[in-house]
Amino acid sequence: MIKREIKVAFEEYNDINELKNADQQLCREAVKALANSHSPYSKFRVGVAMRLQSGKVIHASNQENVAYPSGLCAERVALFNWGANHPDDPIETMAITAQTDEFELTKPVTSCGSCLQVLAEYEKKQNRPIKVFLYCQNGPVWAVEGIENQLPFLFFEDRLVIQ
């Protein structure tokens, strides 16, 4: 038997003011994206702002549907938008935030496994890591570099990739 250990790394900031100005602005853009969330069932709004290498910012929000699970998380809305419209402009950074009127969020909300798997696919596609800021508006900000620090057992099989 071999015992193995996997570690993940992230930075925790007490609040948004500890970030560089460009990263603060990206977190604020994620808050703006909350306005377009369609979440009448969960009442849990998620917003994403994604900065591309060119400086362009893509906004996205979660989109629910009464025919659950036909909706889509904000992260996948942003990533699929990028894949369909900007695949030659690499993703540098994403900021993700959430908000609900039902209770107070006191720590960052993390992405679901499906969103992390899509993030892994696009990180592999662009052959470079994506920095993700998980932003709690009333608490800390977590900065995570690369998908392995969010999904250490990600599914990827190189033989399935079209060469």
N, C-alpha and C. Protein backbone atom coordinates (compact mmCIF):
# COMPACT_ATOMS: atom_id res chain seq x y z
N MET A 1 0.83 -1.18 0.00
CA MET A 1 0.00 0.00 0.00
C MET A 1 0.88 1.25 0.00
N ILE A 2 0.43 2.23 -0.76
CA ILE A 2 1.09 3.54 -0.79
C ILE A 2 0.08 4.56 -0.33
N LYS A 3 0.45 5.33 0.66
CA LYS A 3 -0.42 6.41 1.11
C LYS A 3 0.02 7.68 0.40
N ARG A 4 -0.95 8.34 -0.22
CA ARG A 4 -0.67 9.57 -0.94
C ARG A 4 -1.48 10.70 -0.32
N GLU A 5 -0.99 11.90 -0.51
CA GLU A 5 -1.67 13.06 0.05
C GLU A 5 -1.76 14.13 -1.02
N ILE A 6 -2.90 14.76 -1.10
CA ILE A 6 -3.11 15.86 -2.02
C ILE A 6 -3.38 17.11 -1.19
N LYS A 7 -2.72 18.18 -1.55
CA LYS A 7 -2.93 19.45 -0.87
C LYS A 7 -3.41 20.48 -1.87
N VAL A 8 -4.25 21.36 -1.42
CA VAL A 8 -4.67 22.49 -2.23
C VAL A 8 -4.18 23.76 -1.55
N ALA A 9 -4.03 24.79 -2.35
CA ALA A 9 -3.54 26.06 -1.82
C ALA A 9 -4.44 27.19 -2.29
N PHE A 10 -4.67 28.14 -1.40
CA PHE A 10 -5.39 29.36 -1.77
C PHE A 10 -4.97 30.46 -0.81
N GLU A 11 -5.21 31.69 -1.26
CA GLU A 11 -4.92 32.85 -0.42
C GLU A 11 -6.24 33.36 0.14
N GLU A 12 -6.24 33.79 1.39
CA GLU A 12 -7.44 34.38 1.98
C GLU A 12 -7.15 35.83 2.34
N TYR A 13 -8.01 36.70 1.84
CA TYR A 13 -7.92 38.13 2.14
C TYR A 13 -9.10 38.48 3.05
N ASN A 14 -8.87 39.34 4.02
CA ASN A 14 -9.94 39.72 4.96
C ASN A 14 -11.11 40.39 4.26
N ASP A 15 -10.80 41.20 3.25
CA ASP A 15 -11.85 41.84 2.47
C ASP A 15 -11.29 42.29 1.13
N ILE A 16 -12.15 42.81 0.31
CA ILE A 16 -11.81 43.18 -1.07
C ILE A 16 -10.71 44.24 -1.13
N ASN A 17 -10.60 45.09 -0.10
CA ASN A 17 -9.63 46.18 -0.12
C ASN A 17 -8.18 45.72 -0.08
N GLU A 18 -7.95 44.46 0.26
CA GLU A 18 -6.59 43.93 0.27
C GLU A 18 -6.13 43.48 -1.12
N LEU A 19 -7.03 43.44 -2.07
CA LEU A 19 -6.69 43.01 -3.43
C LEU A 19 -6.11 44.16 -4.24
N LYS A 20 -5.42 43.81 -5.32
CA LYS A 20 -4.97 44.82 -6.28
C LYS A 20 -6.20 45.50 -6.87
N ASN A 21 -6.03 46.74 -7.33
CA ASN A 21 -7.16 47.51 -7.85
C ASN A 21 -7.91 46.78 -8.96
N ALA A 22 -7.19 46.16 -9.90
CA ALA A 22 -7.84 45.46 -11.01
C ALA A 22 -8.68 44.29 -10.51
N ASP A 23 -8.20 43.60 -9.49
CA ASP A 23 -8.94 42.47 -8.94
C ASP A 23 -10.14 42.94 -8.11
N GLN A 24 -9.99 44.07 -7.41
CA GLN A 24 -11.13 44.67 -6.71
C GLN A 24 -12.23 45.00 -7.70
N GLN A 25 -11.83 45.60 -8.82
CA GLN A 25 -12.81 45.99 -9.84
C GLN A 25 -13.50 44.77 -10.43
N LEU A 26 -12.76 43.69 -10.64
CA LEU A 26 -13.37 42.48 -11.18
C LEU A 26 -14.40 41.91 -10.20
N CYS A 27 -14.11 41.95 -8.92
CA CYS A 27 -15.08 41.50 -7.91
C CYS A 27 -16.32 42.39 -7.94
N ARG A 28 -16.13 43.69 -8.11
CA ARG A 28 -17.29 44.60 -8.21
C ARG A 28 -18.11 44.32 -9.46
N GLU A 29 -17.44 43.94 -10.53
CA GLU A 29 -18.15 43.57 -11.76
C GLU A 29 -18.98 42.31 -11.55
N ALA A 30 -18.48 41.38 -10.74
CA ALA A 30 -19.25 40.17 -10.43
C ALA A 30 -20.52 40.54 -9.66
N VAL A 31 -20.42 41.53 -8.78
CA VAL A 31 -21.60 42.00 -8.05
C VAL A 31 -22.61 42.59 -9.03
N LYS A 32 -22.14 43.36 -10.00
CA LYS A 32 -23.05 43.93 -11.01
C LYS A 32 -23.77 42.81 -11.78
N ALA A 33 -23.07 41.71 -12.03
CA ALA A 33 -23.66 40.59 -12.77
C ALA A 33 -24.83 39.95 -12.02
N LEU A 34 -24.88 40.12 -10.71
CA LEU A 34 -25.99 39.56 -9.91
C LEU A 34 -27.34 40.09 -10.38
N ALA A 35 -27.35 41.30 -10.92
CA ALA A 35 -28.61 41.94 -11.32
C ALA A 35 -29.35 41.16 -12.40
N ASN A 36 -28.63 40.38 -13.20
CA ASN A 36 -29.26 39.62 -14.28
C ASN A 36 -29.51 38.16 -13.92
N SER A 37 -29.32 37.81 -12.66
CA SER A 37 -29.61 36.45 -12.23
C SER A 37 -31.11 36.18 -12.36
N HIS A 38 -31.44 35.02 -12.88
CA HIS A 38 -32.84 34.58 -12.93
C HIS A 38 -32.93 33.41 -11.94
N SER A 39 -33.27 33.74 -10.70
CA SER A 39 -33.28 32.74 -9.63
C SER A 39 -34.53 32.83 -8.77
N PRO A 40 -35.72 32.77 -9.39
CA PRO A 40 -36.95 32.91 -8.63
C PRO A 40 -37.26 31.71 -7.72
N TYR A 41 -36.62 30.59 -7.95
CA TYR A 41 -36.92 29.38 -7.17
C TYR A 41 -36.01 29.25 -5.96
N SER A 42 -34.71 29.39 -6.16
CA SER A 42 -33.77 29.29 -5.03
C SER A 42 -33.60 30.62 -4.31
N LYS A 43 -33.84 31.71 -5.02
CA LYS A 43 -33.59 33.07 -4.49
C LYS A 43 -32.11 33.24 -4.12
N PHE A 44 -31.25 32.47 -4.77
CA PHE A 44 -29.80 32.49 -4.54
C PHE A 44 -29.14 32.95 -5.82
N ARG A 45 -28.72 34.22 -5.82
CA ARG A 45 -28.14 34.84 -7.01
C ARG A 45 -26.62 34.63 -7.03
N VAL A 46 -26.11 34.29 -8.18
CA VAL A 46 -24.66 34.13 -8.36
C VAL A 46 -24.24 34.98 -9.56
N GLY A 47 -23.17 35.73 -9.39
CA GLY A 47 -22.64 36.57 -10.45
C GLY A 47 -21.18 36.26 -10.71
N VAL A 48 -20.80 36.33 -11.98
CA VAL A 48 -19.41 36.09 -12.39
C VAL A 48 -18.96 37.22 -13.30
N ALA A 49 -17.74 37.64 -13.11
CA ALA A 49 -17.07 38.53 -14.04
C ALA A 49 -15.76 37.84 -14.41
N MET A 50 -15.50 37.76 -15.70
CA MET A 50 -14.33 37.04 -16.19
C MET A 50 -13.51 37.98 -17.06
N ARG A 51 -12.24 38.20 -16.65
CA ARG A 51 -11.36 39.10 -17.41
C ARG A 51 -10.51 38.27 -18.38
N LEU A 52 -10.54 38.69 -19.64
CA LEU A 52 -9.76 38.01 -20.67
C LEU A 52 -8.42 38.72 -20.86
N GLN A 53 -7.52 38.07 -21.55
CA GLN A 53 -6.18 38.63 -21.76
C GLN A 53 -6.26 40.01 -22.42
N SER A 54 -7.22 40.23 -23.29
CA SER A 54 -7.37 41.52 -23.97
C SER A 54 -7.86 42.62 -23.04
N GLY A 55 -8.33 42.24 -21.85
CA GLY A 55 -8.91 43.21 -20.93
C GLY A 55 -10.43 43.21 -20.95
N LYS A 56 -11.03 42.58 -21.94
CA LYS A 56 -12.49 42.47 -22.01
C LYS A 56 -13.01 41.71 -20.80
N VAL A 57 -14.15 42.15 -20.28
CA VAL A 57 -14.78 41.49 -19.14
C VAL A 57 -16.11 40.90 -19.59
N ILE A 58 -16.29 39.62 -19.31
CA ILE A 58 -17.54 38.92 -19.59
C ILE A 58 -18.31 38.81 -18.29
N HIS A 59 -19.59 39.15 -18.32
CA HIS A 59 -20.46 39.04 -17.15
C HIS A 59 -21.41 37.87 -17.34
N ALA A 60 -21.74 37.20 -16.26
CA ALA A 60 -22.70 36.09 -16.33
C ALA A 60 -23.37 35.93 -14.97
N SER A 61 -24.53 35.29 -14.99
CA SER A 61 -25.26 35.01 -13.76
C SER A 61 -26.00 33.70 -13.91
N ASN A 62 -26.41 33.15 -12.77
CA ASN A 62 -27.14 31.89 -12.81
C ASN A 62 -28.52 32.10 -13.43
N GLN A 63 -28.98 31.08 -14.14
CA GLN A 63 -30.25 31.14 -14.85
C GLN A 63 -31.05 29.89 -14.51
N GLU A 64 -32.05 30.03 -13.67
CA GLU A 64 -32.88 28.90 -13.25
C GLU A 64 -34.06 28.70 -14.20
N ASN A 65 -34.67 27.53 -14.09
CA ASN A 65 -35.83 27.21 -14.91
C ASN A 65 -36.76 26.33 -14.09
N VAL A 66 -38.06 26.51 -14.25
CA VAL A 66 -39.03 25.72 -13.51
C VAL A 66 -38.87 24.23 -13.82
N ALA A 67 -38.36 23.90 -15.00
CA ALA A 67 -38.10 22.51 -15.36
C ALA A 67 -36.70 22.13 -14.90
N TYR A 68 -36.54 22.12 -13.57
CA TYR A 68 -35.25 21.77 -12.98
C TYR A 68 -34.83 20.40 -13.50
N PRO A 69 -33.63 20.16 -13.94
CA PRO A 69 -32.40 20.95 -13.84
C PRO A 69 -32.03 21.69 -15.12
N SER A 70 -33.00 22.27 -15.79
CA SER A 70 -32.72 22.94 -17.06
C SER A 70 -31.94 24.24 -16.91
N GLY A 71 -31.80 24.75 -15.73
CA GLY A 71 -31.06 25.98 -15.52
C GLY A 71 -29.57 25.77 -15.63
N LEU A 72 -28.82 26.83 -15.41
CA LEU A 72 -27.37 26.75 -15.52
C LEU A 72 -26.72 27.70 -14.52
N CYS A 73 -25.63 27.23 -13.92
CA CYS A 73 -24.86 28.04 -12.97
C CYS A 73 -24.16 29.20 -13.69
N ALA A 74 -23.89 30.24 -12.96
CA ALA A 74 -23.24 31.44 -13.51
C ALA A 74 -21.87 31.12 -14.11
N GLU A 75 -21.12 30.25 -13.46
CA GLU A 75 -19.78 29.93 -13.94
C GLU A 75 -19.83 29.31 -15.33
N ARG A 76 -20.76 28.37 -15.53
CA ARG A 76 -20.86 27.72 -16.85
C ARG A 76 -21.43 28.68 -17.89
N VAL A 77 -22.33 29.56 -17.50
CA VAL A 77 -22.82 30.58 -18.44
C VAL A 77 -21.63 31.40 -18.94
N ALA A 78 -20.75 31.83 -18.02
CA ALA A 78 -19.58 32.63 -18.40
C ALA A 78 -18.61 31.83 -19.27
N LEU A 79 -18.32 30.60 -18.85
CA LEU A 79 -17.34 29.80 -19.58
C LEU A 79 -17.84 29.41 -20.97
N PHE A 80 -19.11 29.05 -21.09
CA PHE A 80 -19.65 28.70 -22.40
C PHE A 80 -19.73 29.93 -23.30
N ASN A 81 -20.01 31.10 -22.72
CA ASN A 81 -19.98 32.34 -23.49
C ASN A 81 -18.58 32.55 -24.06
N TRP A 82 -17.57 32.38 -23.21
CA TRP A 82 -16.19 32.53 -23.67
C TRP A 82 -15.88 31.53 -24.78
N GLY A 83 -16.23 30.26 -24.57
CA GLY A 83 -15.93 29.23 -25.56
C GLY A 83 -16.60 29.49 -26.90
N ALA A 84 -17.80 30.05 -26.87
CA ALA A 84 -18.55 30.31 -28.10
C ALA A 84 -18.13 31.60 -28.79
N ASN A 85 -17.69 32.59 -28.02
CA ASN A 85 -17.47 33.92 -28.59
C ASN A 85 -16.05 34.46 -28.52
N HIS A 86 -15.22 33.93 -27.62
CA HIS A 86 -13.88 34.52 -27.42
C HIS A 86 -12.79 33.46 -27.23
N PRO A 87 -12.83 32.33 -27.91
CA PRO A 87 -11.89 31.25 -27.61
C PRO A 87 -10.42 31.59 -27.86
N ASP A 88 -10.14 32.64 -28.63
CA ASP A 88 -8.76 33.01 -28.92
C ASP A 88 -8.25 34.12 -28.00
N ASP A 89 -9.04 34.48 -27.00
CA ASP A 89 -8.68 35.53 -26.04
C ASP A 89 -8.66 34.86 -24.66
N PRO A 90 -7.50 34.35 -24.23
CA PRO A 90 -7.44 33.53 -23.02
C PRO A 90 -8.05 34.19 -21.77
N ILE A 91 -8.64 33.34 -20.95
CA ILE A 91 -9.20 33.78 -19.66
C ILE A 91 -8.04 33.94 -18.69
N GLU A 92 -7.97 35.09 -18.06
CA GLU A 92 -6.94 35.31 -17.04
C GLU A 92 -7.50 35.10 -15.64
N THR A 93 -8.64 35.74 -15.36
CA THR A 93 -9.15 35.77 -14.00
C THR A 93 -10.67 35.74 -13.99
N MET A 94 -11.23 35.06 -13.00
CA MET A 94 -12.68 35.06 -12.78
C MET A 94 -12.94 35.54 -11.36
N ALA A 95 -14.01 36.28 -11.18
CA ALA A 95 -14.48 36.63 -9.84
C ALA A 95 -15.91 36.11 -9.73
N ILE A 96 -16.19 35.43 -8.62
CA ILE A 96 -17.50 34.83 -8.40
C ILE A 96 -18.03 35.32 -7.07
N THR A 97 -19.29 35.75 -7.06
CA THR A 97 -19.92 36.17 -5.82
C THR A 97 -21.35 35.68 -5.79
N ALA A 98 -21.94 35.69 -4.62
CA ALA A 98 -23.33 35.24 -4.47
C ALA A 98 -24.04 36.14 -3.47
N GLN A 99 -25.38 36.08 -3.54
CA GLN A 99 -26.19 36.91 -2.65
C GLN A 99 -27.58 36.30 -2.54
N THR A 100 -28.14 36.39 -1.36
CA THR A 100 -29.51 35.96 -1.15
C THR A 100 -30.14 36.85 -0.10
N ASP A 101 -31.45 37.03 -0.19
CA ASP A 101 -32.17 37.78 0.82
C ASP A 101 -32.63 36.87 1.96
N GLU A 102 -32.39 35.59 1.81
CA GLU A 102 -32.87 34.59 2.78
C GLU A 102 -31.98 34.48 4.02
N PHE A 103 -30.68 34.76 3.86
CA PHE A 103 -29.73 34.68 4.98
C PHE A 103 -28.46 35.43 4.60
N GLU A 104 -27.59 35.66 5.57
CA GLU A 104 -26.35 36.39 5.32
C GLU A 104 -25.24 35.42 4.97
N LEU A 105 -24.54 35.70 3.89
CA LEU A 105 -23.36 34.91 3.53
C LEU A 105 -22.16 35.51 4.25
N THR A 106 -21.42 34.67 4.96
CA THR A 106 -20.27 35.15 5.73
C THR A 106 -18.95 34.56 5.25
N LYS A 107 -19.01 33.71 4.23
CA LYS A 107 -17.80 33.17 3.63
C LYS A 107 -18.06 32.99 2.13
N PRO A 108 -17.02 32.90 1.34
CA PRO A 108 -17.21 32.76 -0.11
C PRO A 108 -17.96 31.47 -0.45
N VAL A 109 -18.70 31.54 -1.54
CA VAL A 109 -19.41 30.38 -2.07
C VAL A 109 -18.51 29.75 -3.13
N THR A 110 -18.35 28.45 -3.05
CA THR A 110 -17.52 27.74 -4.01
C THR A 110 -18.37 27.21 -5.17
N SER A 111 -17.72 26.92 -6.27
CA SER A 111 -18.40 26.41 -7.46
C SER A 111 -18.77 24.94 -7.27
N CYS A 112 -19.83 24.52 -7.95
CA CYS A 112 -20.24 23.11 -7.90
C CYS A 112 -19.27 22.27 -8.73
N GLY A 113 -19.36 20.97 -8.58
CA GLY A 113 -18.47 20.06 -9.30
C GLY A 113 -18.61 20.16 -10.81
N SER A 114 -19.83 20.33 -11.32
CA SER A 114 -20.02 20.46 -12.77
C SER A 114 -19.30 21.70 -13.30
N CYS A 115 -19.42 22.80 -12.58
CA CYS A 115 -18.74 24.03 -13.01
C CYS A 115 -17.22 23.87 -12.95
N LEU A 116 -16.74 23.20 -11.91
CA LEU A 116 -15.30 22.98 -11.80
C LEU A 116 -14.79 22.10 -12.93
N GLN A 117 -15.57 21.10 -13.33
CA GLN A 117 -15.15 20.25 -14.42
C GLN A 117 -15.09 21.03 -15.74
N VAL A 118 -16.05 21.92 -15.97
CA VAL A 118 -16.02 22.76 -17.17
C VAL A 118 -14.83 23.71 -17.10
N LEU A 119 -14.58 24.28 -15.94
CA LEU A 119 -13.41 25.14 -15.77
C LEU A 119 -12.13 24.38 -16.10
N ALA A 120 -12.05 23.13 -15.66
CA ALA A 120 -10.88 22.30 -15.97
C ALA A 120 -10.71 22.13 -17.48
N GLU A 121 -11.81 21.88 -18.17
CA GLU A 121 -11.78 21.69 -19.62
C GLU A 121 -11.25 22.93 -20.33
N TYR A 122 -11.74 24.10 -19.94
CA TYR A 122 -11.33 25.32 -20.61
C TYR A 122 -9.92 25.74 -20.20
N GLU A 123 -9.52 25.43 -18.99
CA GLU A 123 -8.15 25.70 -18.59
C GLU A 123 -7.21 24.84 -19.44
N LYS A 124 -7.57 23.59 -19.64
CA LYS A 124 -6.77 22.68 -20.48
C LYS A 124 -6.78 23.18 -21.93
N LYS A 125 -7.94 23.62 -22.41
CA LYS A 125 -8.07 24.11 -23.79
C LYS A 125 -7.15 25.29 -24.05
N GLN A 126 -7.07 26.22 -23.10
CA GLN A 126 -6.22 27.39 -23.32
C GLN A 126 -4.80 27.17 -22.82
N ASN A 127 -4.55 26.00 -22.24
CA ASN A 127 -3.20 25.60 -21.81
C ASN A 127 -2.57 26.61 -20.85
N ARG A 128 -3.38 27.08 -19.91
CA ARG A 128 -2.87 27.99 -18.88
C ARG A 128 -3.87 28.04 -17.73
N PRO A 129 -3.38 28.22 -16.51
CA PRO A 129 -4.29 28.26 -15.36
C PRO A 129 -5.13 29.53 -15.34
N ILE A 130 -6.25 29.43 -14.65
CA ILE A 130 -7.15 30.56 -14.47
C ILE A 130 -7.19 30.88 -12.98
N LYS A 131 -6.98 32.13 -12.65
CA LYS A 131 -7.08 32.56 -11.25
C LYS A 131 -8.54 32.86 -10.96
N VAL A 132 -9.03 32.36 -9.83
CA VAL A 132 -10.42 32.55 -9.45
C VAL A 132 -10.48 33.25 -8.10
N PHE A 133 -11.26 34.33 -8.04
CA PHE A 133 -11.53 35.00 -6.77
C PHE A 133 -12.94 34.61 -6.35
N LEU A 134 -13.06 33.99 -5.19
CA LEU A 134 -14.36 33.68 -4.59
C LEU A 134 -14.61 34.80 -3.58
N TYR A 135 -15.56 35.65 -3.91
CA TYR A 135 -15.74 36.92 -3.19
C TYR A 135 -17.01 36.90 -2.34
N CYS A 136 -16.83 37.01 -1.04
CA CYS A 136 -17.96 37.17 -0.12
C CYS A 136 -18.08 38.66 0.18
N GLN A 137 -19.20 39.24 -0.18
CA GLN A 137 -19.35 40.68 -0.03
C GLN A 137 -19.32 41.14 1.43
N ASN A 138 -19.64 40.25 2.36
CA ASN A 138 -19.62 40.59 3.78
C ASN A 138 -18.53 39.84 4.53
N GLY A 139 -17.51 39.43 3.82
CA GLY A 139 -16.47 38.63 4.46
C GLY A 139 -15.23 38.53 3.62
N PRO A 140 -14.54 37.40 3.74
CA PRO A 140 -13.26 37.26 3.07
C PRO A 140 -13.36 37.01 1.57
N VAL A 141 -12.22 37.10 0.93
CA VAL A 141 -12.06 36.76 -0.48
C VAL A 141 -11.02 35.65 -0.54
N TRP A 142 -11.33 34.59 -1.25
CA TRP A 142 -10.38 33.50 -1.46
C TRP A 142 -9.87 33.58 -2.89
N ALA A 143 -8.56 33.54 -3.06
CA ALA A 143 -7.94 33.55 -4.38
C ALA A 143 -7.32 32.18 -4.63
N VAL A 144 -7.75 31.56 -5.72
CA VAL A 144 -7.30 30.20 -6.04
C VAL A 144 -6.68 30.21 -7.44
N GLU A 145 -5.48 29.69 -7.55
CA GLU A 145 -4.77 29.65 -8.82
C GLU A 145 -4.81 28.23 -9.39
N GLY A 146 -5.47 28.07 -10.52
CA GLY A 146 -5.48 26.78 -11.20
C GLY A 146 -6.51 25.81 -10.66
N ILE A 147 -7.05 25.00 -11.54
CA ILE A 147 -8.13 24.09 -11.19
C ILE A 147 -7.71 23.01 -10.19
N GLU A 148 -6.46 22.60 -10.21
CA GLU A 148 -6.04 21.55 -9.28
C GLU A 148 -6.21 21.94 -7.82
N ASN A 149 -6.27 23.25 -7.56
CA ASN A 149 -6.47 23.72 -6.20
C ASN A 149 -7.95 23.78 -5.81
N GLN A 150 -8.84 23.52 -6.76
CA GLN A 150 -10.27 23.46 -6.45
C GLN A 150 -10.84 22.06 -6.66
N LEU A 151 -10.26 21.34 -7.58
CA LEU A 151 -10.77 20.01 -7.92
C LEU A 151 -9.57 19.07 -8.11
N PRO A 152 -8.96 18.64 -7.01
CA PRO A 152 -7.72 17.87 -7.13
C PRO A 152 -7.90 16.52 -7.85
N PHE A 153 -9.08 15.95 -7.84
CA PHE A 153 -9.33 14.70 -8.56
C PHE A 153 -10.15 14.95 -9.81
N LEU A 154 -9.78 15.97 -10.57
CA LEU A 154 -10.56 16.30 -11.75
C LEU A 154 -10.51 15.17 -12.76
N PHE A 155 -11.60 15.03 -13.52
CA PHE A 155 -11.66 14.01 -14.55
C PHE A 155 -11.07 14.55 -15.83
N PHE A 156 -10.01 13.92 -16.30
CA PHE A 156 -9.47 14.25 -17.60
C PHE A 156 -8.70 13.06 -18.10
N GLU A 157 -8.99 12.68 -19.31
CA GLU A 157 -8.32 11.56 -19.95
C GLU A 157 -7.77 12.04 -21.28
N ASP A 158 -6.45 12.15 -21.36
CA ASP A 158 -5.80 12.68 -22.55
C ASP A 158 -6.15 11.92 -23.82
N ARG A 159 -6.43 10.63 -23.71
CA ARG A 159 -6.75 9.83 -24.90
C ARG A 159 -8.12 10.16 -25.47
N LEU A 160 -8.95 10.89 -24.72
CA LEU A 160 -10.25 11.31 -25.22
C LEU A 160 -10.20 12.61 -26.00
N VAL A 161 -9.07 13.30 -25.93
CA VAL A 161 -8.92 14.60 -26.59
C VAL A 161 -8.65 14.39 -28.07
N ILE A 162 -9.36 15.16 -28.90
CA ILE A 162 -9.14 15.12 -30.34
C ILE A 162 -7.81 15.77 -30.64
N GLN A 163 -6.97 15.09 -31.34
CA GLN A 163 -5.64 15.61 -31.67
C GLN A 163 -5.64 16.35 -32.98
